[in-house]
Protein backbone atom coordinates (compact mmCIF):
# COMPACT_ATOMS: atom_id res chain seq x y z
CA UNK A 1 -22.16 5.58 14.23
CA UNK A 2 -21.76 2.10 12.26
CA UNK A 3 -24.40 -0.13 11.43
CA UNK A 4 -23.41 -4.71 10.74
CA UNK A 5 -26.26 -6.57 10.23
CA UNK A 6 -26.51 -10.19 11.81
CA UNK A 7 -28.66 -13.70 13.11
CA UNK A 8 -29.07 -13.84 16.58
CA UNK A 9 -30.27 -17.20 18.12
CA UNK A 10 -34.06 -16.82 19.21
CA UNK A 11 -37.03 -18.87 20.22
CA UNK A 12 -40.09 -17.28 21.02
CA UNK A 13 -39.29 -13.91 20.14
CA UNK A 14 -36.43 -13.88 23.50
CA UNK A 15 -32.69 -13.96 22.42
CA UNK A 16 -30.78 -17.48 23.27
CA UNK A 17 -27.97 -18.40 24.85
CA UNK A 18 -26.20 -21.22 22.37
CA UNK A 19 -23.50 -22.47 25.40
CA UNK A 20 -26.71 -23.23 27.52
CA UNK A 21 -28.33 -25.26 24.72
CA UNK A 22 -27.23 -28.24 26.01
CA UNK A 23 -29.60 -27.53 29.69
CA UNK A 24 -32.00 -25.79 28.26
CA UNK A 25 -33.46 -23.33 25.76
CA UNK A 26 -32.70 -20.66 28.43
CA UNK A 27 -33.44 -16.42 27.82
CA UNK A 28 -30.83 -14.18 27.78
CA UNK A 29 -30.20 -10.50 27.09
CA UNK A 30 -26.70 -10.97 25.61
CA UNK A 31 -27.45 -12.63 21.88
CA UNK A 32 -25.39 -15.66 20.54
CA UNK A 33 -25.38 -14.26 16.97
CA UNK A 34 -24.17 -14.59 13.47
CA UNK A 35 -23.23 -13.61 10.70
CA UNK A 36 -26.06 -13.61 7.79
CA UNK A 37 -24.89 -16.15 5.52
CA UNK A 38 -25.23 -18.54 9.15
CA UNK A 39 -27.77 -21.54 8.59
CA UNK A 40 -29.08 -22.98 11.08
CA UNK A 41 -28.50 -26.18 8.68
CA UNK A 42 -25.06 -24.71 9.60
CA UNK A 43 -25.26 -24.29 12.44
CA UNK A 44 -25.95 -28.09 13.63
CA UNK A 45 -23.41 -28.88 10.74
CA UNK A 46 -20.53 -27.19 13.23
CA UNK A 47 -21.70 -28.44 16.16
CA UNK A 48 -21.22 -32.35 15.10
CA UNK A 49 -17.83 -31.71 13.30
CA UNK A 50 -15.99 -29.97 16.15
CA UNK A 51 -17.86 -32.72 18.68
CA UNK A 52 -15.74 -35.08 16.61
CA UNK A 53 -13.27 -33.16 16.64
CA UNK A 54 -12.27 -31.91 19.82
CA UNK A 55 -14.50 -34.04 21.34
CA UNK A 56 -16.56 -32.25 22.68
CA UNK A 57 -20.12 -32.74 24.37
CA UNK A 58 -23.39 -30.94 22.42
CA UNK A 59 -25.65 -34.09 23.91
CA UNK A 60 -29.39 -34.72 22.44
CA UNK A 61 -30.14 -32.19 23.63
CA UNK A 62 -28.10 -29.32 22.28
CA UNK A 63 -29.70 -30.90 19.40
CA UNK A 64 -33.47 -30.50 19.98
CA UNK A 65 -33.45 -27.86 21.37
CA UNK A 66 -31.26 -25.88 18.96
CA UNK A 67 -34.23 -27.37 16.70
CA UNK A 68 -36.89 -25.15 18.17
CA UNK A 69 -34.87 -21.36 18.77
CA UNK A 70 -34.23 -19.56 14.77
CA UNK A 71 -31.85 -17.68 13.77
CA UNK A 72 -33.63 -13.72 12.49
CA UNK A 73 -31.66 -11.18 10.79
CA UNK A 74 -31.13 -8.12 13.98
CA UNK A 75 -28.99 -4.92 13.57
CA UNK A 76 -26.56 -3.77 15.43
CA UNK A 77 -24.85 0.14 15.45
CA UNK A 78 -22.44 1.39 17.08
CA UNK A 79 -22.19 4.83 17.79
CA UNK A 80 -19.28 6.28 19.61
CA UNK A 81 -19.28 9.65 21.84
CA UNK A 82 -15.69 10.68 20.99
CA UNK A 83 -15.07 9.33 16.79
């Protein structure tokens, strides 16, 4: 068994689909996960940087919805039946 600590994007106790933030805060059962070192400010800065570099469409709604979310520490446990 392997345990990894990460952060998940959440809103009101629910995992959030980071890819759908332009459309709203959409709950999901599959979390958007990040390293423990990532902060909310890092997510904002990365989106701004990629918007400028790759011409990605990060709308005002994306940033407004992201600001309502939080990064919460989570543990991921990998259990292997056959090591």
